Amino acid sequence: MAWIEIIPEDEATGRLKELYDVYYDESWGGVDNILKIHSLNAKSLKTHYDLYAHLMRGRSPLSRIQREMIAVAVSAANRCHY
């Protein structure tokens, strides 16, 4: 298993804190780990989120549910917690 250093929400400052504030998920009280792996590079975090948002919510012949199902299937195949 890979181990990636992250900056927790309560230690974030500057641009990272601004992004964490935007991406904070009220439903569970945190920033998703898939975003926090970019915490040492705020530009990478923003770019990752923009790509994800485009893939999941941009124009596509696939519905949002179909895209989420593909993401779950790939995560399961990779033995990754989704």
Protein backbone atom coordinates (compact mmCIF):
# COMPACT_ATOMS: atom_id res chain seq x y z
CA MET A 1 0.00 0.00 0.00
CA ALA A 2 1.25 3.47 -0.86
CA TRP A 3 1.65 5.99 1.92
CA ILE A 4 1.38 9.61 0.89
CA GLU A 5 2.10 12.49 3.24
CA ILE A 6 -0.91 14.79 3.57
CA ILE A 7 -1.67 18.04 5.33
CA PRO A 8 -4.77 17.63 7.53
CA GLU A 9 -7.59 20.17 7.27
CA ASP A 10 -6.76 21.75 10.64
CA GLU A 11 -3.14 22.37 9.60
CA ALA A 12 -3.81 23.83 6.14
CA THR A 13 -2.83 27.43 5.41
CA GLY A 14 -2.92 29.82 2.45
CA ARG A 15 -4.18 28.50 -0.90
CA LEU A 16 -4.51 24.94 0.46
CA LYS A 17 -6.83 26.13 3.23
CA GLU A 18 -8.90 28.05 0.66
CA LEU A 19 -9.29 24.89 -1.44
CA TYR A 20 -10.04 22.71 1.58
CA ASP A 21 -12.78 25.17 2.55
CA VAL A 22 -14.30 24.83 -0.94
CA TYR A 23 -14.04 21.02 -1.06
CA TYR A 24 -15.06 20.35 2.55
CA ASP A 25 -17.87 17.79 2.59
CA GLU A 26 -20.48 18.67 5.24
CA SER A 27 -22.08 15.20 5.00
CA TRP A 28 -19.16 13.54 6.77
CA GLY A 29 -17.09 16.47 8.01
CA GLY A 30 -13.91 16.44 5.95
CA VAL A 31 -12.10 16.71 2.63
CA ASP A 32 -12.02 13.50 0.58
CA ASN A 33 -8.73 11.60 0.87
CA ILE A 34 -8.42 11.43 -2.92
CA LEU A 35 -8.09 15.22 -2.84
CA LYS A 36 -5.90 15.39 0.27
CA ILE A 37 -3.19 13.32 -1.44
CA HIS A 38 -2.47 16.50 -3.39
CA SER A 39 -2.16 18.65 -0.27
CA LEU A 40 1.56 19.29 -0.78
CA ASN A 41 0.76 20.89 -4.15
CA ALA A 42 -2.35 23.09 -4.15
CA LYS A 43 -2.26 23.56 -7.94
CA SER A 44 -2.33 19.77 -8.38
CA LEU A 45 -5.29 19.55 -5.97
CA LYS A 46 -7.27 22.14 -7.95
CA THR A 47 -6.39 20.52 -11.28
CA HIS A 48 -7.36 17.05 -10.01
CA TYR A 49 -10.72 18.35 -8.79
CA ASP A 50 -11.42 20.17 -12.05
CA LEU A 51 -10.69 17.01 -14.05
CA TYR A 52 -12.87 14.90 -11.74
CA ALA A 53 -15.73 17.41 -11.96
CA HIS A 54 -15.51 17.46 -15.75
CA LEU A 55 -15.48 13.67 -16.01
CA MET A 56 -18.35 13.16 -13.57
CA ARG A 57 -20.57 16.15 -14.41
CA GLY A 58 -19.52 17.26 -17.89
CA ARG A 59 -21.40 16.44 -21.09
CA SER A 60 -21.40 12.72 -21.79
CA PRO A 61 -23.63 10.00 -23.21
CA LEU A 62 -23.25 8.30 -19.80
CA SER A 63 -25.48 9.30 -16.90
CA ARG A 64 -23.99 10.39 -13.58
CA ILE A 65 -25.12 7.09 -12.07
CA GLN A 66 -23.39 5.10 -14.83
CA ARG A 67 -20.18 7.05 -14.28
CA GLU A 68 -20.34 6.44 -10.52
CA MET A 69 -20.93 2.72 -11.14
CA ILE A 70 -17.83 2.58 -13.35
CA ALA A 71 -15.79 4.34 -10.64
CA VAL A 72 -16.99 1.86 -8.00
CA ALA A 73 -16.23 -1.14 -10.25
CA VAL A 74 -12.72 0.13 -11.00
CA SER A 75 -12.06 0.84 -7.32
CA ALA A 76 -13.25 -2.64 -6.37
CA ALA A 77 -11.07 -4.23 -9.06
CA ASN A 78 -8.11 -2.25 -7.68
CA ARG A 79 -9.01 -3.22 -4.09
CA CYS A 80 -9.28 0.47 -3.30
CA HIS A 81 -11.69 1.92 -0.75
CA TYR A 82 -14.13 4.08 -2.66
